[in-house]
């Protein structure tokens, strides 16, 4: 079900973060917009974790998510949606040296999520 930008932004405004994060890590490309919005509230440094599984049409591009650039930091791990959990699982494995990793998604099952709906259309995707 399509959400308006205002509905999504209202969830961003009201979600409560109960943890203290050193930084925000956005899974590029889907996590960039949500991480930017969260950064407006938390005022933490934002880093990109370049992992990719799907093409621009949301079709799998690889058999499993691929790391596209190296990593070395601590974390609120942000992505746009969690479908299978494969990308978040790989990201957590790559970041296993971090003191604490919590996850955020606009839609899906994570530590922090705005929605958890089977059919969800992002208002910022044309």
N, C-alpha and C. Protein backbone atom coordinates (compact mmCIF):
# COMPACT_ATOMS: atom_id res chain seq x y z
N UNK A 1 0.84 -1.18 0.00
CA UNK A 1 0.00 0.00 0.00
C UNK A 1 0.89 1.24 0.00
N UNK A 2 0.61 2.17 -0.89
CA UNK A 2 1.41 3.38 -1.00
C UNK A 2 1.18 4.28 0.22
N UNK A 3 2.27 4.82 0.73
CA UNK A 3 2.22 5.78 1.84
C UNK A 3 2.56 7.15 1.30
N UNK A 4 1.96 8.17 1.87
CA UNK A 4 2.35 9.53 1.50
C UNK A 4 3.63 9.88 2.22
N UNK A 5 4.33 10.85 1.69
CA UNK A 5 5.56 11.30 2.33
C UNK A 5 5.24 11.79 3.74
N UNK A 6 4.12 12.45 3.93
CA UNK A 6 3.76 12.96 5.26
C UNK A 6 3.54 11.82 6.25
N UNK A 7 2.91 10.72 5.83
CA UNK A 7 2.72 9.57 6.72
C UNK A 7 4.06 8.99 7.16
N UNK A 8 4.98 8.87 6.21
CA UNK A 8 6.29 8.31 6.53
C UNK A 8 7.07 9.28 7.42
N UNK A 9 7.05 10.56 7.10
CA UNK A 9 7.77 11.54 7.92
C UNK A 9 7.21 11.62 9.34
N UNK A 10 5.91 11.45 9.49
CA UNK A 10 5.32 11.45 10.84
C UNK A 10 5.89 10.29 11.65
N UNK A 11 6.07 9.14 11.05
CA UNK A 11 6.67 8.01 11.76
C UNK A 11 8.12 8.32 12.12
N UNK A 12 8.86 8.94 11.21
CA UNK A 12 10.24 9.34 11.51
C UNK A 12 10.27 10.31 12.69
N UNK A 13 9.31 11.23 12.75
CA UNK A 13 9.28 12.22 13.84
C UNK A 13 8.97 11.59 15.19
N UNK A 14 8.19 10.51 15.20
CA UNK A 14 7.71 9.98 16.48
C UNK A 14 8.42 8.72 16.96
N UNK A 15 9.23 8.09 16.12
CA UNK A 15 9.92 6.88 16.57
C UNK A 15 10.89 7.24 17.71
N UNK A 16 10.93 6.40 18.73
CA UNK A 16 11.82 6.63 19.87
C UNK A 16 13.01 5.70 19.79
N UNK A 17 14.21 6.27 19.80
CA UNK A 17 15.44 5.49 19.83
C UNK A 17 15.88 5.39 21.29
N UNK A 18 16.01 4.17 21.78
CA UNK A 18 16.36 3.96 23.19
C UNK A 18 17.84 3.66 23.38
N UNK A 19 18.60 3.69 22.31
CA UNK A 19 20.03 3.40 22.37
C UNK A 19 20.80 4.66 21.99
N UNK A 20 22.06 4.71 22.39
CA UNK A 20 22.93 5.82 22.03
C UNK A 20 23.89 5.31 20.96
N UNK A 21 23.87 5.93 19.78
CA UNK A 21 24.68 5.47 18.66
C UNK A 21 25.85 6.40 18.43
N UNK A 22 26.99 5.82 18.04
CA UNK A 22 28.17 6.60 17.68
C UNK A 22 28.03 7.15 16.27
N UNK A 23 27.36 6.41 15.41
CA UNK A 23 27.22 6.82 14.03
C UNK A 23 26.03 6.10 13.41
N UNK A 24 25.68 6.52 12.22
CA UNK A 24 24.64 5.89 11.42
C UNK A 24 25.33 5.28 10.21
N UNK A 25 25.00 4.04 9.89
CA UNK A 25 25.54 3.40 8.69
C UNK A 25 24.37 3.10 7.77
N UNK A 26 24.38 3.69 6.59
CA UNK A 26 23.32 3.49 5.61
C UNK A 26 23.77 2.45 4.60
N UNK A 27 22.90 1.48 4.34
CA UNK A 27 23.19 0.53 3.27
C UNK A 27 22.84 1.22 1.96
N UNK A 28 23.87 1.43 1.14
CA UNK A 28 23.67 2.12 -0.14
C UNK A 28 23.12 1.13 -1.15
N UNK A 29 22.12 1.52 -1.84
CA UNK A 29 21.59 2.85 -2.01
C UNK A 29 20.30 3.07 -1.21
N UNK A 30 19.57 2.01 -0.90
CA UNK A 30 18.26 2.16 -0.29
C UNK A 30 18.25 2.86 1.05
N UNK A 31 19.30 2.73 1.85
CA UNK A 31 19.32 3.31 3.18
C UNK A 31 19.73 4.77 3.23
N UNK A 32 20.11 5.35 2.09
CA UNK A 32 20.63 6.73 2.09
C UNK A 32 19.56 7.74 2.51
N UNK A 33 18.37 7.68 1.91
CA UNK A 33 17.32 8.65 2.25
C UNK A 33 16.88 8.49 3.71
N UNK A 34 16.57 7.26 4.18
CA UNK A 34 16.19 7.12 5.59
C UNK A 34 17.30 7.57 6.55
N UNK A 35 18.55 7.27 6.23
CA UNK A 35 19.66 7.68 7.10
C UNK A 35 19.77 9.19 7.18
N UNK A 36 19.56 9.86 6.06
CA UNK A 36 19.60 11.32 6.05
C UNK A 36 18.51 11.92 6.93
N UNK A 37 17.33 11.33 6.87
CA UNK A 37 16.22 11.82 7.70
C UNK A 37 16.51 11.55 9.18
N UNK A 38 17.00 10.36 9.50
CA UNK A 38 17.34 10.04 10.90
C UNK A 38 18.45 10.95 11.39
N UNK A 39 19.40 11.28 10.53
CA UNK A 39 20.50 12.15 10.92
C UNK A 39 19.99 13.53 11.34
N UNK A 40 18.87 13.98 10.77
CA UNK A 40 18.30 15.27 11.18
C UNK A 40 17.91 15.25 12.65
N UNK A 41 17.53 14.08 13.16
CA UNK A 41 17.16 13.96 14.58
C UNK A 41 18.35 13.64 15.47
N UNK A 42 19.16 12.68 15.06
CA UNK A 42 20.23 12.19 15.94
C UNK A 42 21.52 12.97 15.83
N UNK A 43 21.73 13.69 14.72
CA UNK A 43 22.95 14.48 14.51
C UNK A 43 24.21 13.64 14.72
N UNK A 44 24.25 12.48 14.08
CA UNK A 44 25.41 11.59 14.14
C UNK A 44 26.05 11.50 12.76
N UNK A 45 27.33 11.19 12.74
CA UNK A 45 28.05 11.00 11.50
C UNK A 45 27.40 9.87 10.70
N UNK A 46 27.29 10.04 9.38
CA UNK A 46 26.69 9.03 8.51
C UNK A 46 27.77 8.42 7.61
N UNK A 47 27.80 7.10 7.55
CA UNK A 47 28.70 6.37 6.66
C UNK A 47 27.88 5.48 5.75
N UNK A 48 28.43 5.16 4.59
CA UNK A 48 27.75 4.27 3.66
C UNK A 48 28.41 2.90 3.66
N UNK A 49 27.58 1.88 3.70
CA UNK A 49 28.04 0.50 3.54
C UNK A 49 27.52 0.08 2.18
N UNK A 50 28.44 -0.10 1.25
CA UNK A 50 28.03 -0.40 -0.12
C UNK A 50 27.84 -1.90 -0.31
N UNK A 51 26.58 -2.33 -0.09
CA UNK A 51 26.17 -3.71 -0.30
C UNK A 51 25.04 -3.66 -1.32
N UNK A 52 25.04 -4.59 -2.25
CA UNK A 52 23.98 -4.57 -3.25
C UNK A 52 23.51 -5.98 -3.55
N UNK A 53 22.20 -6.14 -3.72
CA UNK A 53 21.60 -7.40 -4.13
C UNK A 53 20.70 -7.20 -5.35
N UNK A 54 19.95 -6.10 -5.37
CA UNK A 54 18.91 -5.91 -6.39
C UNK A 54 19.25 -4.79 -7.36
N UNK A 55 18.67 -4.88 -8.55
CA UNK A 55 18.82 -3.81 -9.53
C UNK A 55 17.78 -2.71 -9.28
N UNK A 56 17.75 -1.71 -10.15
CA UNK A 56 16.84 -0.59 -9.94
C UNK A 56 15.37 -0.97 -10.05
N UNK A 57 15.07 -2.17 -10.57
CA UNK A 57 13.69 -2.65 -10.67
C UNK A 57 13.34 -3.62 -9.55
N UNK A 58 14.22 -3.73 -8.53
CA UNK A 58 14.05 -4.60 -7.37
C UNK A 58 14.12 -6.08 -7.72
N UNK A 59 14.78 -6.41 -8.84
CA UNK A 59 15.02 -7.80 -9.19
C UNK A 59 16.41 -8.20 -8.69
N UNK A 60 16.57 -9.42 -8.17
CA UNK A 60 17.90 -9.85 -7.71
C UNK A 60 18.94 -9.74 -8.83
N UNK A 61 20.06 -9.15 -8.48
CA UNK A 61 21.15 -8.96 -9.43
C UNK A 61 22.24 -10.01 -9.20
N UNK A 62 22.33 -10.50 -7.98
CA UNK A 62 23.33 -11.51 -7.59
C UNK A 62 22.60 -12.64 -6.85
N UNK A 63 23.29 -13.74 -6.65
CA UNK A 63 22.73 -14.85 -5.86
C UNK A 63 22.61 -14.47 -4.39
N UNK A 64 23.53 -13.65 -3.92
CA UNK A 64 23.54 -13.19 -2.53
C UNK A 64 24.03 -11.74 -2.53
N UNK A 65 23.73 -10.96 -1.47
CA UNK A 65 24.23 -9.58 -1.42
C UNK A 65 25.75 -9.55 -1.55
N UNK A 66 26.25 -8.53 -2.22
CA UNK A 66 27.69 -8.37 -2.45
C UNK A 66 28.20 -7.11 -1.78
N UNK A 67 29.36 -7.21 -1.12
CA UNK A 67 30.03 -6.03 -0.56
C UNK A 67 30.74 -5.33 -1.71
N UNK A 68 30.43 -4.05 -1.92
CA UNK A 68 31.01 -3.30 -3.02
C UNK A 68 32.14 -2.38 -2.60
N UNK A 69 32.32 -2.15 -1.30
CA UNK A 69 33.40 -1.29 -0.80
C UNK A 69 33.74 -1.72 0.63
N UNK A 70 35.01 -1.59 1.06
CA UNK A 70 35.42 -2.04 2.40
C UNK A 70 34.79 -1.25 3.56
N UNK A 71 34.90 -1.82 4.77
CA UNK A 71 34.24 -1.29 5.97
C UNK A 71 35.22 -1.17 7.13
N UNK A 72 35.04 -0.17 8.00
CA UNK A 72 35.79 -0.13 9.26
C UNK A 72 35.21 0.88 10.24
N UNK A 73 34.12 0.60 10.91
CA UNK A 73 33.53 1.48 11.92
C UNK A 73 32.55 0.86 12.93
N UNK A 74 31.74 1.77 13.87
CA UNK A 74 30.73 1.43 14.91
C UNK A 74 29.31 1.93 14.62
N UNK A 75 27.18 1.75 15.92
CA UNK A 75 26.41 1.84 14.64
C UNK A 75 24.87 1.73 14.80
N UNK A 76 24.20 2.55 14.03
CA UNK A 76 22.80 2.32 13.69
C UNK A 76 22.81 1.99 12.20
N UNK A 77 22.49 0.77 11.87
CA UNK A 77 22.53 0.28 10.49
C UNK A 77 21.17 0.53 9.84
N UNK A 78 21.14 1.32 8.77
CA UNK A 78 19.89 1.80 8.18
C UNK A 78 19.72 1.28 6.75
N UNK A 79 18.53 0.77 6.47
CA UNK A 79 18.17 0.41 5.10
C UNK A 79 16.72 0.81 4.87
N UNK A 80 16.29 0.77 3.62
CA UNK A 80 14.92 1.18 3.34
C UNK A 80 13.92 0.10 3.71
N UNK A 81 14.19 -1.14 3.31
CA UNK A 81 13.25 -2.22 3.61
C UNK A 81 14.00 -3.50 3.90
N UNK A 82 13.35 -4.35 4.68
CA UNK A 82 13.87 -5.68 4.95
C UNK A 82 12.86 -6.66 4.38
N UNK A 83 13.26 -7.42 3.37
CA UNK A 83 12.37 -8.43 2.79
C UNK A 83 12.79 -9.80 3.30
N UNK A 84 13.95 -10.26 2.83
CA UNK A 84 14.43 -11.58 3.23
C UNK A 84 15.36 -11.50 4.42
N UNK A 85 15.93 -10.33 4.68
CA UNK A 85 16.90 -10.16 5.75
C UNK A 85 18.33 -10.48 5.32
N UNK A 86 18.53 -10.89 4.07
CA UNK A 86 19.86 -11.30 3.61
C UNK A 86 20.87 -10.15 3.62
N UNK A 87 20.45 -8.97 3.20
CA UNK A 87 21.37 -7.83 3.16
C UNK A 87 21.77 -7.40 4.56
N UNK A 88 20.80 -7.29 5.47
CA UNK A 88 21.09 -6.91 6.86
C UNK A 88 21.97 -7.97 7.52
N UNK A 89 21.71 -9.23 7.25
CA UNK A 89 22.53 -10.31 7.83
C UNK A 89 23.98 -10.16 7.38
N UNK A 90 24.21 -9.93 6.08
CA UNK A 90 25.57 -9.74 5.60
C UNK A 90 26.20 -8.51 6.23
N UNK A 91 25.45 -7.41 6.31
CA UNK A 91 25.98 -6.18 6.91
C UNK A 91 26.40 -6.43 8.36
N UNK A 92 25.58 -7.14 9.13
CA UNK A 92 25.92 -7.44 10.53
C UNK A 92 27.18 -8.30 10.61
N UNK A 93 27.31 -9.26 9.69
CA UNK A 93 28.52 -10.09 9.67
C UNK A 93 29.75 -9.25 9.37
N UNK A 94 29.64 -8.34 8.40
CA UNK A 94 30.77 -7.48 8.03
C UNK A 94 31.14 -6.52 9.16
N UNK A 95 30.16 -6.17 9.96
CA UNK A 95 30.37 -5.20 11.04
C UNK A 95 30.49 -5.87 12.40
N UNK A 96 30.76 -7.16 12.44
CA UNK A 96 30.73 -7.92 13.69
C UNK A 96 31.70 -7.41 14.75
N UNK A 97 32.70 -6.64 14.37
CA UNK A 97 33.64 -6.10 15.34
C UNK A 97 33.08 -4.88 16.09
N UNK A 98 31.97 -4.37 15.64
CA UNK A 98 31.37 -3.19 16.29
C UNK A 98 30.93 -3.54 17.71
N UNK A 99 31.01 -2.56 18.58
CA UNK A 99 30.59 -2.73 19.97
C UNK A 99 29.11 -3.06 20.06
N UNK A 100 28.30 -2.38 19.25
CA UNK A 100 26.86 -2.56 19.27
C UNK A 100 26.32 -2.25 17.88
N UNK A 101 25.44 -3.10 17.38
CA UNK A 101 24.78 -2.86 16.10
C UNK A 101 23.28 -2.97 16.31
N UNK A 102 22.56 -1.92 15.98
CA UNK A 102 21.10 -1.94 15.96
C UNK A 102 20.68 -1.64 14.53
N UNK A 103 19.51 -2.13 14.15
CA UNK A 103 19.07 -1.97 12.77
C UNK A 103 17.82 -1.11 12.69
N UNK A 104 17.69 -0.40 11.55
CA UNK A 104 16.53 0.45 11.27
C UNK A 104 16.11 0.22 9.83
N UNK A 105 14.82 0.14 9.61
CA UNK A 105 14.28 0.09 8.25
C UNK A 105 12.98 0.89 8.22
N UNK A 106 12.73 1.52 7.10
CA UNK A 106 11.45 2.19 6.94
C UNK A 106 10.34 1.14 7.00
N UNK A 107 10.58 0.00 6.33
CA UNK A 107 9.58 -1.07 6.32
C UNK A 107 10.26 -2.41 6.53
N UNK A 108 9.80 -3.17 7.52
CA UNK A 108 10.34 -4.50 7.76
C UNK A 108 10.45 -4.77 9.24
N UNK A 109 11.06 -5.90 9.57
CA UNK A 109 11.25 -6.29 10.96
C UNK A 109 12.69 -6.03 11.35
N UNK A 110 12.91 -5.02 12.20
CA UNK A 110 14.25 -4.63 12.66
C UNK A 110 14.14 -4.14 14.09
N UNK A 111 15.27 -3.69 14.66
CA UNK A 111 15.23 -3.12 16.01
C UNK A 111 14.33 -1.88 16.03
N UNK A 112 14.43 -1.07 15.00
CA UNK A 112 13.60 0.13 14.85
C UNK A 112 13.01 0.12 13.45
N UNK A 113 11.70 0.24 13.33
CA UNK A 113 11.05 0.27 12.01
C UNK A 113 9.86 1.22 12.07
N UNK A 114 9.63 1.90 10.97
CA UNK A 114 8.47 2.78 10.88
C UNK A 114 7.22 2.00 10.53
N UNK A 115 7.36 1.01 9.65
CA UNK A 115 6.25 0.18 9.21
C UNK A 115 6.72 -1.27 9.11
N UNK A 116 5.78 -2.20 9.14
CA UNK A 116 6.06 -3.62 8.87
C UNK A 116 4.88 -4.16 8.08
N UNK A 117 4.89 -3.86 6.78
CA UNK A 117 3.79 -4.22 5.91
C UNK A 117 4.29 -5.05 4.74
N UNK A 118 3.48 -6.00 4.31
CA UNK A 118 3.86 -6.87 3.21
C UNK A 118 4.01 -6.10 1.91
N UNK A 119 3.08 -5.24 1.62
CA UNK A 119 3.11 -4.46 0.38
C UNK A 119 3.30 -3.00 0.75
N UNK A 120 4.44 -2.43 0.37
CA UNK A 120 4.78 -1.07 0.79
C UNK A 120 5.47 -0.35 -0.36
N UNK A 121 5.00 0.84 -0.70
CA UNK A 121 5.63 1.65 -1.75
C UNK A 121 6.18 2.91 -1.10
N UNK A 122 7.47 3.18 -1.35
CA UNK A 122 8.10 4.35 -0.77
C UNK A 122 7.66 5.61 -1.50
N UNK A 123 7.29 6.65 -0.75
CA UNK A 123 6.80 7.87 -1.41
C UNK A 123 7.89 8.62 -2.18
N UNK A 124 9.17 8.35 -1.93
CA UNK A 124 10.23 9.07 -2.62
C UNK A 124 10.74 8.32 -3.87
N UNK A 125 10.19 7.13 -4.16
CA UNK A 125 10.58 6.41 -5.36
C UNK A 125 9.53 6.67 -6.43
N UNK A 126 9.99 7.20 -7.54
CA UNK A 126 9.06 7.58 -8.62
C UNK A 126 8.57 6.38 -9.39
